[in-house]
């Protein structure tokens, strides 16, 4: 399928890419502040706002429905903050309560509206699971109109949000209104989530907030780089998911996009150079090898001091001494390759002059 020549695919990919950029950028702050579940709560809480907006306006204009979703999400966020601040209920428990209550109310309202005899309410259920393939040009324009101010606000308040994410106490000591900044940042997250409701739905929206940021976190320790990577990963997953969905029959775009971003998370978890599990395993093996080399060198130096220069020592002796820790043979071969040890006979080893100099430099002071 020609991407440039398919109008529908371009619209869907553009909408999914917009969602990925906005949700990814804000999701980085949610992950760093350990508020990953907040995205899930807001997305589920947005459902009653969508239905109420339809009931009050009588139309399914995208902007009106999304504003209703934003209002409900914002109300749910304030409810979570109030419950956690004014009671002994912890923050995660408050999230679970608000998520369940708002989503339950939304399902009841949606069920009641769908019983109406006319067909004006048709299509409201797409906010549950998303319908990216049904995005229109007006929907994408609305998403961009909501998402662009979010990114602008993020750029303008970058330093303040950075303090909020890492050291709110220091920010408060500087006189910054940290509580108000917390409310603003949470409001921006609400808008970012609302932007994606039509694409992936309330059920899967939390993945678009958390997953790109979780993937980006594996590649960097710098906030700016993480936000850019998170937005890029979100956009990449959105576009690739839209393309795959268009090529495979009966494959919904929303879940496909979420699966694509999940693949990015798995790849990052395993292959990221600084935090990836694969590279961590490689570094651990290299560290163990370095320790074995040091242990064998020190053991050979100590044995030479006891038995005199020129006396070869068997591999078994080194194993008994604990220097090789089960891998003396491989370590001695490595020392031979470096020119620090040489073999005498079938199973005897001694230090070379270069190896003795190396061992004396490293461990001579310990003897």
Protein backbone atom coordinates (compact mmCIF):
# COMPACT_ATOMS: atom_id res chain seq x y z
CA UNK A 1 0.00 0.00 0.00
CA UNK A 2 1.36 3.41 -0.93
CA UNK A 3 1.57 5.49 2.25
CA UNK A 4 1.70 8.81 0.44
CA UNK A 5 -1.12 7.89 -1.90
CA UNK A 6 -3.58 6.58 0.71
CA UNK A 7 -5.47 9.49 2.24
CA UNK A 8 -7.09 7.44 5.04
CA UNK A 9 -3.77 5.93 6.10
CA UNK A 10 -2.13 9.36 6.16
CA UNK A 11 -4.87 10.73 8.40
CA UNK A 12 -4.72 7.75 10.78
CA UNK A 13 -0.92 7.80 10.93
CA UNK A 14 -0.88 11.55 11.51
CA UNK A 15 -3.39 11.25 14.34
CA UNK A 16 -1.56 8.32 15.92
CA UNK A 17 1.76 10.14 15.60
CA UNK A 18 0.30 13.24 17.25
CA UNK A 19 -0.98 11.09 20.10
CA UNK A 20 2.41 9.44 20.50
CA UNK A 21 4.29 12.74 20.68
CA UNK A 22 2.01 14.42 23.20
CA UNK A 23 1.42 11.38 25.42
CA UNK A 24 5.07 10.36 25.28
CA UNK A 25 6.37 13.77 26.29
CA UNK A 26 4.02 14.10 29.26
CA UNK A 27 4.35 10.42 30.14
CA UNK A 28 8.05 10.93 30.88
CA UNK A 29 7.14 13.16 33.82
CA UNK A 30 4.43 10.74 35.00
CA UNK A 31 6.93 7.87 35.05
CA UNK A 32 9.66 9.88 36.78
CA UNK A 33 7.21 11.08 39.43
CA UNK A 34 5.93 7.52 39.94
CA UNK A 35 2.45 8.48 38.79
CA UNK A 36 2.11 5.89 36.07
CA UNK A 37 -1.29 4.75 37.35
CA UNK A 38 -2.56 8.31 37.20
CA UNK A 39 -2.80 8.03 33.42
CA UNK A 40 -4.91 4.90 33.76
CA UNK A 41 -7.21 6.61 36.24
CA UNK A 42 -7.62 9.73 34.11
CA UNK A 43 -8.32 7.79 30.91
CA UNK A 44 -10.99 5.65 32.56
CA UNK A 45 -12.48 8.64 34.35
CA UNK A 46 -12.87 10.49 31.03
CA UNK A 47 -15.67 8.18 29.85
CA UNK A 48 -18.53 9.79 31.85
CA UNK A 49 -17.39 13.19 30.60
CA UNK A 50 -17.71 12.03 26.99
CA UNK A 51 -21.24 10.72 27.54
CA UNK A 52 -22.37 13.77 29.50
CA UNK A 53 -20.99 16.09 26.82
CA UNK A 54 -23.06 14.21 24.25
CA UNK A 55 -26.18 14.39 26.44
CA UNK A 56 -25.80 18.11 27.04
CA UNK A 57 -24.94 19.11 23.47
CA UNK A 58 -26.83 16.45 21.54
CA UNK A 59 -23.98 16.19 19.02
CA UNK A 60 -20.82 14.15 18.59
CA UNK A 61 -18.59 17.05 17.64
CA UNK A 62 -15.04 15.92 18.51
CA UNK A 63 -14.08 19.11 20.33
CA UNK A 64 -17.16 19.02 22.57
CA UNK A 65 -16.71 15.37 23.49
CA UNK A 66 -13.02 15.83 24.22
CA UNK A 67 -13.69 18.87 26.37
CA UNK A 68 -16.17 16.79 28.34
CA UNK A 69 -13.55 14.08 28.71
CA UNK A 70 -11.00 16.66 29.88
CA UNK A 71 -13.41 18.04 32.46
CA UNK A 72 -14.14 14.56 33.85
CA UNK A 73 -10.47 13.64 33.87
CA UNK A 74 -9.60 16.84 35.66
CA UNK A 75 -12.35 16.25 38.24
CA UNK A 76 -11.05 12.74 38.83
CA UNK A 77 -7.52 14.05 39.33
CA UNK A 78 -8.67 16.61 41.87
CA UNK A 79 -10.65 13.88 43.63
CA UNK A 80 -7.56 11.68 43.88
CA UNK A 81 -5.48 14.53 45.28
CA UNK A 82 -8.19 15.49 47.78
CA UNK A 83 -8.67 11.92 49.00
CA UNK A 84 -4.94 11.36 49.45
CA UNK A 85 -4.42 14.72 51.19
CA UNK A 86 -7.49 14.81 53.46
CA UNK A 87 -7.71 11.19 54.54
CA UNK A 88 -5.49 8.29 55.55
CA UNK A 89 -6.10 6.56 52.23
CA UNK A 90 -2.85 6.25 50.30
CA UNK A 91 -2.37 7.68 46.83
CA UNK A 92 -2.51 4.37 44.96
CA UNK A 93 -5.67 3.33 46.78
CA UNK A 94 -7.26 6.68 45.95
CA UNK A 95 -6.39 6.12 42.29
CA UNK A 96 -8.08 2.72 42.33
CA UNK A 97 -11.21 4.10 43.99
CA UNK A 98 -11.61 7.05 41.64
CA UNK A 99 -10.83 4.95 38.54
CA UNK A 100 -13.47 2.35 39.43
CA UNK A 101 -16.16 4.84 40.43
CA UNK A 102 -15.80 7.13 37.42
CA UNK A 103 -15.49 4.28 34.94
CA UNK A 104 -18.54 2.56 36.45
CA UNK A 105 -20.56 5.77 36.16
CA UNK A 106 -19.40 6.15 32.58
CA UNK A 107 -20.50 2.62 31.66
CA UNK A 108 -23.91 3.18 33.26
CA UNK A 109 -24.40 6.46 31.36
CA UNK A 110 -23.22 4.91 28.10
CA UNK A 111 -25.58 1.96 28.49
CA UNK A 112 -28.50 4.28 29.22
CA UNK A 113 -27.74 6.53 26.24
CA UNK A 114 -27.43 3.57 23.89
CA UNK A 115 -31.01 2.56 24.77
CA UNK A 116 -32.36 5.68 23.10
CA UNK A 117 -34.55 4.92 20.06
CA UNK A 118 -32.65 7.19 17.66
CA UNK A 119 -29.18 6.54 16.26
CA UNK A 120 -27.54 9.80 17.25
CA UNK A 121 -25.58 8.08 20.02
CA UNK A 122 -23.98 5.55 17.66
CA UNK A 123 -20.20 5.60 17.86
CA UNK A 124 -19.82 6.74 21.45
CA UNK A 125 -18.58 3.28 22.42
CA UNK A 126 -15.47 3.82 20.29
CA UNK A 127 -14.08 5.80 23.22
CA UNK A 128 -13.90 2.52 25.14
CA UNK A 129 -11.48 0.72 22.84
CA UNK A 130 -10.66 3.41 20.30
CA UNK A 131 -11.25 3.50 16.57
CA UNK A 132 -8.15 4.93 14.98
CA UNK A 133 -9.24 3.76 11.54
CA UNK A 134 -12.27 6.03 11.82
CA UNK A 135 -10.32 9.24 12.43
CA UNK A 136 -11.31 12.14 10.22
CA UNK A 137 -9.34 15.17 9.19
CA UNK A 138 -11.33 17.26 11.67
CA UNK A 139 -10.44 14.83 14.45
CA UNK A 140 -6.74 15.15 13.71
CA UNK A 141 -6.99 18.95 13.60
CA UNK A 142 -8.71 18.86 17.00
CA UNK A 143 -5.98 16.60 18.40
CA UNK A 144 -3.30 18.96 17.14
CA UNK A 145 -5.16 21.99 18.46
CA UNK A 146 -5.20 20.41 21.91
CA UNK A 147 -1.75 18.88 21.80
CA UNK A 148 0.27 21.85 20.55
CA UNK A 149 -0.53 24.12 23.55
CA UNK A 150 0.44 21.25 25.85
CA UNK A 151 3.89 21.00 24.26
CA UNK A 152 4.30 24.78 24.30
CA UNK A 153 3.40 24.92 28.00
CA UNK A 154 5.83 22.08 28.69
CA UNK A 155 8.62 24.02 26.98
CA UNK A 156 7.82 27.31 28.76
CA UNK A 157 7.69 25.71 32.22
CA UNK A 158 10.54 23.28 31.60
CA UNK A 159 12.76 24.35 34.50
CA UNK A 160 9.86 24.43 36.95
CA UNK A 161 8.60 21.00 35.91
CA UNK A 162 12.15 19.66 36.16
CA UNK A 163 12.33 20.80 39.78
CA UNK A 164 8.89 19.34 40.41
CA UNK A 165 9.99 15.97 39.08
CA UNK A 166 13.29 15.71 40.95
CA UNK A 167 13.38 18.07 43.94
CA UNK A 168 10.07 19.77 44.79
CA UNK A 169 11.39 20.65 48.26
CA UNK A 170 14.21 22.72 46.77
CA UNK A 171 11.74 24.35 44.39
CA UNK A 172 9.53 25.33 47.31
CA UNK A 173 12.56 26.80 49.11
CA UNK A 174 13.11 29.03 46.07
CA UNK A 175 9.59 30.38 46.44
CA UNK A 176 8.07 28.51 43.50
CA UNK A 177 4.40 27.48 43.83
CA UNK A 178 5.08 23.75 43.64
CA UNK A 179 1.51 22.71 44.42
CA UNK A 180 0.18 24.94 41.65
CA UNK A 181 2.83 23.56 39.27
CA UNK A 182 1.75 20.05 40.23
CA UNK A 183 -1.82 20.92 39.30
CA UNK A 184 -0.70 22.45 35.99
CA UNK A 185 1.44 19.46 35.04
CA UNK A 186 -1.37 17.08 35.92
CA UNK A 187 -3.74 19.20 33.82
CA UNK A 188 -1.40 18.92 30.85
CA UNK A 189 -1.36 15.14 31.36
CA UNK A 190 -5.15 15.16 31.32
CA UNK A 191 -5.15 16.93 27.96
CA UNK A 192 -2.54 14.53 26.59
CA UNK A 193 -4.73 11.58 27.56
CA UNK A 194 -7.85 13.16 26.14
CA UNK A 195 -6.06 13.62 22.81
CA UNK A 196 -5.70 9.85 22.45
CA UNK A 197 -9.14 8.64 23.49
CA UNK A 198 -10.47 8.39 19.96
CA UNK A 199 -7.38 6.54 18.80
CA UNK A 200 -6.75 3.82 21.40
CA UNK A 201 -9.66 4.29 23.81
CA UNK A 202 -9.84 4.62 27.58
CA UNK A 203 -8.83 1.01 28.20
CA UNK A 204 -5.48 1.17 26.38
CA UNK A 205 -4.63 4.85 26.74
CA UNK A 206 -2.50 4.37 29.85
CA UNK A 207 -0.08 2.27 27.79
CA UNK A 208 0.58 5.22 25.47
CA UNK A 209 1.47 7.35 28.50
CA UNK A 210 3.68 4.88 30.35
CA UNK A 211 5.26 2.61 27.71
CA UNK A 212 7.16 5.19 25.59
CA UNK A 213 8.56 6.80 28.72
CA UNK A 214 9.53 3.43 30.19
CA UNK A 215 11.35 2.59 26.95
CA UNK A 216 13.10 5.97 26.82
CA UNK A 217 14.23 5.67 30.44
CA UNK A 218 16.38 2.68 29.52
CA UNK A 219 18.48 4.72 27.09
CA UNK A 220 19.36 7.85 29.03
CA UNK A 221 19.71 9.52 32.43
CA UNK A 222 19.00 13.04 31.12
CA UNK A 223 15.48 14.45 31.35
CA UNK A 224 15.57 16.35 28.06
CA UNK A 225 16.82 13.35 26.13
CA UNK A 226 14.26 11.13 27.83
CA UNK A 227 11.35 13.42 26.90
CA UNK A 228 12.49 13.62 23.27
CA UNK A 229 13.01 9.86 23.05
CA UNK A 230 9.68 9.17 24.71
CA UNK A 231 7.86 11.44 22.26
CA UNK A 232 9.76 9.83 19.37
CA UNK A 233 8.98 6.31 20.52
CA UNK A 234 5.31 7.21 20.88
CA UNK A 235 5.18 8.72 17.40
CA UNK A 236 7.04 5.76 15.89
CA UNK A 237 4.69 3.25 17.51
CA UNK A 238 1.68 5.24 16.33
CA UNK A 239 2.76 5.46 12.71
CA UNK A 240 4.03 1.87 12.48
CA UNK A 241 0.90 0.56 14.20
CA UNK A 242 -1.32 2.46 11.77
CA UNK A 243 0.60 1.10 8.77
CA UNK A 244 0.51 -2.51 10.05
CA UNK A 245 -3.20 -2.23 10.80
CA UNK A 246 -3.88 -0.98 7.26
CA UNK A 247 -1.99 -3.89 5.70
CA UNK A 248 -3.42 -6.72 7.82
CA UNK A 249 -7.10 -7.47 7.43
CA UNK A 250 -9.27 -7.13 10.54
CA UNK A 251 -6.46 -5.87 12.73
CA UNK A 252 -7.64 -2.89 14.82
CA UNK A 253 -5.32 0.06 14.84
CA UNK A 254 -5.52 0.96 18.55
CA UNK A 255 -4.37 -2.40 19.96
CA UNK A 256 -1.79 -2.67 17.19
CA UNK A 257 -0.29 0.68 18.19
CA UNK A 258 -0.11 -0.45 21.82
CA UNK A 259 1.57 -3.70 20.78
CA UNK A 260 4.13 -1.73 18.75
CA UNK A 261 5.04 0.44 21.71
CA UNK A 262 5.24 -2.71 23.84
CA UNK A 263 7.81 -4.10 21.40
CA UNK A 264 9.82 -0.89 21.80
CA UNK A 265 9.74 -1.36 25.57
CA UNK A 266 10.96 -4.96 25.30
CA UNK A 267 13.74 -4.02 22.88
CA UNK A 268 14.82 -1.21 25.19
CA UNK A 269 14.76 -3.44 28.26
CA UNK A 270 17.09 -5.92 26.60
CA UNK A 271 19.27 -3.85 24.27
CA UNK A 272 19.66 -0.37 25.78
CA UNK A 273 23.42 0.08 26.33
CA UNK A 274 23.23 1.55 29.83
CA UNK A 275 20.30 -0.28 31.42
CA UNK A 276 19.49 -3.13 29.04
CA UNK A 277 19.42 -6.62 30.51
CA UNK A 278 21.61 -8.04 27.76
CA UNK A 279 24.33 -5.43 28.18
CA UNK A 280 24.08 -5.71 31.95
CA UNK A 281 24.77 -9.42 31.59
CA UNK A 282 27.72 -8.69 29.31
CA UNK A 283 29.12 -6.15 31.77
CA UNK A 284 28.69 -8.60 34.64
CA UNK A 285 30.58 -11.28 32.71
CA UNK A 286 33.38 -8.84 31.92
CA UNK A 287 33.57 -7.79 35.56
CA UNK A 288 33.78 -11.41 36.68
CA UNK A 289 36.49 -12.05 34.11
CA UNK A 290 38.47 -9.04 35.39
CA UNK A 291 38.14 -10.30 38.95
CA UNK A 292 39.35 -13.77 37.94
CA UNK A 293 42.36 -12.27 36.14
CA UNK A 294 43.23 -10.23 39.21
CA UNK A 295 42.78 -13.24 41.50
CA UNK A 296 44.98 -15.52 39.39
CA UNK A 297 47.70 -12.89 39.07
CA UNK A 298 47.70 -12.30 42.82
CA UNK A 299 47.74 -16.04 43.53
CA UNK A 300 50.66 -16.65 41.17
CA UNK A 301 52.59 -13.78 42.72
CA UNK A 302 51.94 -15.13 46.21
CA UNK A 303 52.95 -18.68 45.23
CA UNK A 304 56.14 -17.40 43.62
CA UNK A 305 56.99 -15.59 46.83
CA UNK A 306 56.61 -18.84 48.76
CA UNK A 307 58.31 -21.26 46.37
CA UNK A 308 60.76 -19.04 44.54
CA UNK A 309 60.94 -17.66 41.03
CA UNK A 310 60.82 -20.12 38.18
CA UNK A 311 58.65 -22.63 40.04
CA UNK A 312 55.61 -23.57 37.94
CA UNK A 313 52.24 -24.09 39.64
CA UNK A 314 49.50 -26.44 38.53
CA UNK A 315 46.05 -25.34 37.60
CA UNK A 316 44.67 -27.52 40.37
CA UNK A 317 46.69 -25.62 42.96
CA UNK A 318 45.22 -22.35 41.72
CA UNK A 319 41.74 -23.81 41.92
CA UNK A 320 42.33 -25.01 45.50
CA UNK A 321 43.65 -21.56 46.39
CA UNK A 322 40.34 -20.16 45.21
CA UNK A 323 41.93 -17.83 42.72
CA UNK A 324 40.16 -19.15 39.69
CA UNK A 325 36.73 -19.63 41.32
CA UNK A 326 35.94 -22.45 38.96
CA UNK A 327 37.38 -20.77 35.88
CA UNK A 328 41.13 -20.87 36.38
CA UNK A 329 41.71 -22.63 33.07
CA UNK A 330 40.03 -19.93 31.01
CA UNK A 331 41.68 -17.21 33.06
CA UNK A 332 45.16 -18.70 32.61
CA UNK A 333 44.56 -18.89 28.87
CA UNK A 334 43.64 -15.20 28.93
CA UNK A 335 46.81 -14.39 30.89
CA UNK A 336 48.83 -16.35 28.33
CA UNK A 337 47.22 -14.35 25.54
CA UNK A 338 48.21 -11.12 27.29
CA UNK A 339 51.76 -12.37 27.81
CA UNK A 340 51.49 -12.40 31.63
CA UNK A 341 51.72 -16.18 32.15
CA UNK A 342 53.26 -19.09 30.30
CA UNK A 343 52.58 -22.79 30.30
CA UNK A 344 55.19 -25.29 31.45
CA UNK A 345 54.29 -28.86 30.55
CA UNK A 346 50.71 -30.01 30.36
CA UNK A 347 49.32 -28.45 33.55
CA UNK A 348 51.80 -26.03 35.05
CA UNK A 349 51.98 -22.26 34.86
CA UNK A 350 54.27 -19.46 35.95
CA UNK A 351 54.43 -15.72 35.63
CA UNK A 352 56.33 -14.11 32.79
CA UNK A 353 58.48 -11.06 33.51
CA UNK A 354 55.73 -8.89 32.11
CA UNK A 355 53.16 -10.69 34.28
CA UNK A 356 55.36 -10.30 37.36
CA UNK A 357 55.73 -6.57 36.69
CA UNK A 358 51.96 -6.24 36.28
CA UNK A 359 51.26 -8.21 39.45
CA UNK A 360 53.86 -6.30 41.45
CA UNK A 361 52.37 -3.01 40.31
CA UNK A 362 48.87 -4.06 41.28
CA UNK A 363 49.36 -6.19 44.37
CA UNK A 364 52.96 -5.75 45.52
CA UNK A 365 51.87 -3.36 48.26
CA UNK A 366 49.50 -5.93 49.74
CA UNK A 367 52.21 -8.48 50.48
